[in-house]
């Protein structure tokens, strides 16, 4: 499936419009299926043994990973939303879909860049993350979340470096867009587009989302549903 146009990008004709509509419907149908927590891993030897296509979500602590997973699946309590940044220190696996139909494994990765996390926890997390990224043949894409309300941090750029080093394709998704002023949101979208142009592993389309309003959720569902098998 060709990439969905970025927000504001014009479709080239009726064929593109029809293709986009079909992609959005495939995404809606897949993410309307049951999604359940199946496994958690804190060490590389504890990873789930699965050949199902995987989509991993990563980003700074408190960027809204769990809220986005909940919004995508329409299940408000599927992924735990913590009020304590840096609390999630494991890979959480969620199986989306039903036996006999298209399925995906969604992976909620530990947050990075939380200042109060101990150095040992940071080191453990970085090791687990990199080992998972470079050693998971069924990992199809990493969704890298950036908070639309604040500037890109050094830790975000370090994560992009890590993804590039691991040769893992990733897609930037802006979160919490409802909390950003229009002028600032446009600035963040332009900045994200520039980051994409400089990274060979980056997907060309940046999606802007809000778990509160649902903005961008159908488009992200459509992008990810293309990997289901």
Protein backbone atom coordinates (compact mmCIF):
# COMPACT_ATOMS: atom_id res chain seq x y z
CA UNK A 1 0.00 0.00 0.00
CA UNK A 2 1.36 3.43 -0.91
CA UNK A 3 1.82 5.92 1.94
CA UNK A 4 -1.23 7.94 2.90
CA UNK A 5 -0.81 11.64 2.10
CA UNK A 6 0.34 13.82 4.92
CA UNK A 7 -2.14 16.21 6.49
CA UNK A 8 -2.79 18.99 4.01
CA UNK A 9 -1.31 17.11 1.03
CA UNK A 10 -3.64 17.03 -1.99
CA UNK A 11 -4.69 13.77 -3.59
CA UNK A 12 -3.81 13.49 -7.26
CA UNK A 13 -7.15 12.18 -8.51
CA UNK A 14 -10.17 9.89 -7.96
CA UNK A 15 -7.98 6.78 -7.91
CA UNK A 16 -5.93 8.14 -5.04
CA UNK A 17 -9.07 9.16 -3.15
CA UNK A 18 -10.55 5.70 -3.60
CA UNK A 19 -7.31 4.03 -2.49
CA UNK A 20 -7.12 6.21 0.60
CA UNK A 21 -10.75 5.50 1.48
CA UNK A 22 -10.13 1.75 1.13
CA UNK A 23 -7.01 1.99 3.32
CA UNK A 24 -8.89 3.91 6.00
CA UNK A 25 -11.62 1.28 5.99
CA UNK A 26 -9.10 -1.57 6.30
CA UNK A 27 -7.56 0.22 9.25
CA UNK A 28 -10.94 0.80 10.87
CA UNK A 29 -11.94 -2.84 10.49
CA UNK A 30 -8.65 -4.22 11.84
CA UNK A 31 -8.53 -1.97 14.88
CA UNK A 32 -12.18 -2.73 15.65
CA UNK A 33 -11.13 -6.35 16.26
CA UNK A 34 -10.29 -7.63 19.75
CA UNK A 35 -6.93 -6.55 21.17
CA UNK A 36 -5.52 -8.19 24.27
CA UNK A 37 -2.39 -8.08 26.38
CA UNK A 38 -0.43 -11.29 25.88
CA UNK A 39 3.09 -10.86 27.26
CA UNK A 40 5.60 -8.63 29.04
CA UNK A 41 9.39 -8.89 28.85
CA UNK A 42 12.08 -7.18 30.90
CA UNK A 43 15.01 -9.07 29.38
CA UNK A 44 15.88 -10.14 25.86
CA UNK A 45 15.59 -13.85 26.68
CA UNK A 46 12.04 -13.23 27.87
CA UNK A 47 10.72 -11.95 24.56
CA UNK A 48 7.54 -13.43 23.15
CA UNK A 49 8.14 -16.23 20.63
CA UNK A 50 6.03 -15.08 17.71
CA UNK A 51 6.26 -14.63 13.96
CA UNK A 52 3.30 -12.23 13.82
CA UNK A 53 4.10 -8.85 12.23
CA UNK A 54 5.01 -6.38 14.97
CA UNK A 55 4.62 -2.64 15.27
CA UNK A 56 6.50 -1.07 18.17
CA UNK A 57 5.73 2.27 19.80
CA UNK A 58 8.53 4.26 21.40
CA UNK A 59 9.07 7.78 22.66
CA UNK A 60 10.03 9.88 25.65
CA UNK A 61 8.40 9.09 28.96
CA UNK A 62 5.01 10.79 29.20
CA UNK A 63 4.77 11.33 25.42
CA UNK A 64 1.45 9.48 25.36
CA UNK A 65 2.35 6.00 24.10
CA UNK A 66 -0.23 4.17 26.19
CA UNK A 67 -2.91 6.74 25.42
CA UNK A 68 -2.22 6.38 21.69
CA UNK A 69 -2.42 2.57 21.82
CA UNK A 70 -5.70 2.87 23.71
CA UNK A 71 -7.05 5.35 21.15
CA UNK A 72 -6.03 3.17 18.21
CA UNK A 73 -7.75 0.10 19.63
CA UNK A 74 -10.72 1.92 21.15
CA UNK A 75 -9.98 0.33 24.53
CA UNK A 76 -9.44 2.93 27.21
CA UNK A 77 -7.79 0.57 29.68
CA UNK A 78 -5.82 -1.73 27.36
CA UNK A 79 -2.44 -0.07 27.86
CA UNK A 80 -1.74 1.29 31.31
CA UNK A 81 -1.49 5.06 31.46
CA UNK A 82 0.88 5.98 34.27
CA UNK A 83 1.04 9.30 36.06
CA UNK A 84 4.67 8.55 36.92
CA UNK A 85 6.96 9.08 33.90
CA UNK A 86 9.59 6.36 33.52
CA UNK A 87 7.54 3.77 35.38
CA UNK A 88 7.12 1.37 32.44
CA UNK A 89 10.37 -0.61 32.18
CA UNK A 90 9.36 -3.55 30.04
CA UNK A 91 8.17 -4.46 26.56
CA UNK A 92 4.41 -5.03 26.59
CA UNK A 93 2.89 -7.10 23.77
CA UNK A 94 -0.72 -6.74 22.61
CA UNK A 95 -2.27 -9.06 20.02
CA UNK A 96 -4.69 -7.35 17.62
CA UNK A 97 -7.12 -9.30 15.46
CA UNK A 98 -8.72 -12.74 15.37
CA UNK A 99 -7.57 -16.21 14.36
CA UNK A 100 -8.03 -16.71 10.62
CA UNK A 101 -8.00 -12.97 9.86
CA UNK A 102 -5.38 -10.24 9.58
CA UNK A 103 -3.47 -9.73 12.82
CA UNK A 104 -0.79 -7.48 14.27
CA UNK A 105 1.30 -7.50 17.42
CA UNK A 106 1.51 -4.05 19.02
CA UNK A 107 4.52 -3.52 21.28
CA UNK A 108 4.59 -0.75 23.88
CA UNK A 109 8.25 0.00 24.57
CA UNK A 110 9.66 1.61 27.72
CA UNK A 111 9.87 5.39 27.65
CA UNK A 112 13.23 7.09 27.43
CA UNK A 113 14.68 10.41 28.55
CA UNK A 114 13.17 10.65 32.01
CA UNK A 115 15.63 12.64 34.12
CA UNK A 116 14.78 11.00 37.44
CA UNK A 117 15.32 7.45 36.18
CA UNK A 118 18.47 5.93 37.65
CA UNK A 119 21.51 5.41 35.44
CA UNK A 120 21.26 1.64 35.88
CA UNK A 121 17.64 1.62 34.71
CA UNK A 122 18.55 3.78 31.72
CA UNK A 123 21.38 1.43 30.82
CA UNK A 124 19.20 -1.66 31.16
CA UNK A 125 16.48 -0.06 29.04
CA UNK A 126 18.85 0.99 26.29
CA UNK A 127 20.35 -2.49 26.14
CA UNK A 128 16.97 -4.21 25.97
CA UNK A 129 15.67 -1.77 23.40
CA UNK A 130 18.63 -2.12 21.05
CA UNK A 131 18.73 -5.91 21.38
CA UNK A 132 15.02 -6.06 20.58
CA UNK A 133 15.28 -3.70 17.62
CA UNK A 134 18.20 -5.39 15.89
CA UNK A 135 17.18 -8.97 16.64
CA UNK A 136 13.47 -9.03 15.82
CA UNK A 137 12.97 -10.13 12.17
CA UNK A 138 9.18 -9.73 12.34
CA UNK A 139 9.39 -6.10 13.51
CA UNK A 140 7.90 -4.18 10.58
CA UNK A 141 7.98 -0.60 11.83
CA UNK A 142 8.66 1.52 14.89
CA UNK A 143 6.27 4.38 15.56
CA UNK A 144 8.40 7.11 17.12
CA UNK A 145 6.24 9.51 19.10
CA UNK A 146 7.14 13.17 19.54
CA UNK A 147 5.13 15.51 21.76
CA UNK A 148 3.60 18.23 19.57
CA UNK A 149 3.59 20.69 22.48
CA UNK A 150 7.36 20.80 23.07
CA UNK A 151 10.56 20.94 21.07
CA UNK A 152 12.40 17.83 19.94
CA UNK A 153 14.81 16.73 22.67
CA UNK A 154 18.34 15.36 22.38
CA UNK A 155 17.00 12.03 23.62
CA UNK A 156 14.60 11.95 20.64
CA UNK A 157 17.47 12.44 18.24
CA UNK A 158 19.47 9.78 20.09
CA UNK A 159 16.55 7.37 19.64
CA UNK A 160 16.54 8.11 15.91
CA UNK A 161 20.27 7.40 15.82
CA UNK A 162 19.66 4.10 17.59
CA UNK A 163 16.91 3.15 15.15
CA UNK A 164 19.17 3.98 12.24
CA UNK A 165 22.02 1.96 13.73
CA UNK A 166 19.69 -1.00 14.17
CA UNK A 167 18.45 -0.55 10.56
CA UNK A 168 14.82 -0.41 11.67
CA UNK A 169 12.33 1.64 9.64
CA UNK A 170 10.45 4.15 11.77
CA UNK A 171 7.65 6.67 11.35
CA UNK A 172 7.36 9.91 13.30
CA UNK A 173 3.96 10.54 14.87
CA UNK A 174 3.22 13.77 16.70
CA UNK A 175 1.05 13.31 19.80
CA UNK A 176 -1.06 15.62 21.98
CA UNK A 177 -1.76 17.97 19.06
CA UNK A 178 -4.86 19.26 20.85
CA UNK A 179 -2.58 20.91 23.40
CA UNK A 180 -0.50 22.87 20.86
CA UNK A 181 -1.31 26.32 19.49
CA UNK A 182 -1.79 26.33 15.68
CA UNK A 183 1.39 28.30 14.94
CA UNK A 184 3.44 26.00 17.18
CA UNK A 185 1.87 22.86 15.73
CA UNK A 186 2.80 23.98 12.23
CA UNK A 187 6.35 24.64 13.40
CA UNK A 188 6.55 21.16 14.94
CA UNK A 189 5.20 19.55 11.75
CA UNK A 190 7.81 21.36 9.68
CA UNK A 191 10.55 20.35 12.11
CA UNK A 192 9.44 16.71 12.01
CA UNK A 193 9.41 16.78 8.21
CA UNK A 194 12.98 18.09 8.24
CA UNK A 195 14.05 15.33 10.64
CA UNK A 196 12.54 12.76 8.28
CA UNK A 197 14.43 14.12 5.31
CA UNK A 198 17.72 13.65 7.15
CA UNK A 199 17.09 10.04 8.22
CA UNK A 200 17.28 7.22 5.71
CA UNK A 201 15.35 4.87 8.01
CA UNK A 202 12.48 7.33 8.43
CA UNK A 203 9.12 6.92 6.71
CA UNK A 204 8.35 10.01 4.59
CA UNK A 205 4.90 10.68 6.08
CA UNK A 206 4.55 12.36 9.48
CA UNK A 207 1.14 11.88 11.12
CA UNK A 208 -0.23 14.37 13.64
CA UNK A 209 -2.51 12.86 16.27
CA UNK A 210 -4.54 13.56 19.39
CA UNK A 211 -5.75 10.76 21.62
CA UNK A 212 -8.24 13.23 23.10
CA UNK A 213 -9.95 14.37 19.88
CA UNK A 214 -9.16 11.37 17.66
CA UNK A 215 -7.33 13.50 15.11
CA UNK A 216 -4.98 11.44 12.95
CA UNK A 217 -6.06 8.13 14.50
CA UNK A 218 -7.82 6.78 11.35
CA UNK A 219 -4.79 7.67 9.22
CA UNK A 220 -2.38 5.92 11.59
CA UNK A 221 -4.63 2.86 11.74
CA UNK A 222 -4.57 2.70 7.94
CA UNK A 223 -0.77 2.95 7.81
CA UNK A 224 -0.30 0.15 10.34
CA UNK A 225 -3.02 -2.12 8.95
CA UNK A 226 -0.98 -2.47 5.75
CA UNK A 227 1.43 -4.71 7.71
CA UNK A 228 -1.21 -7.08 9.10
CA UNK A 229 -1.03 -10.73 8.10
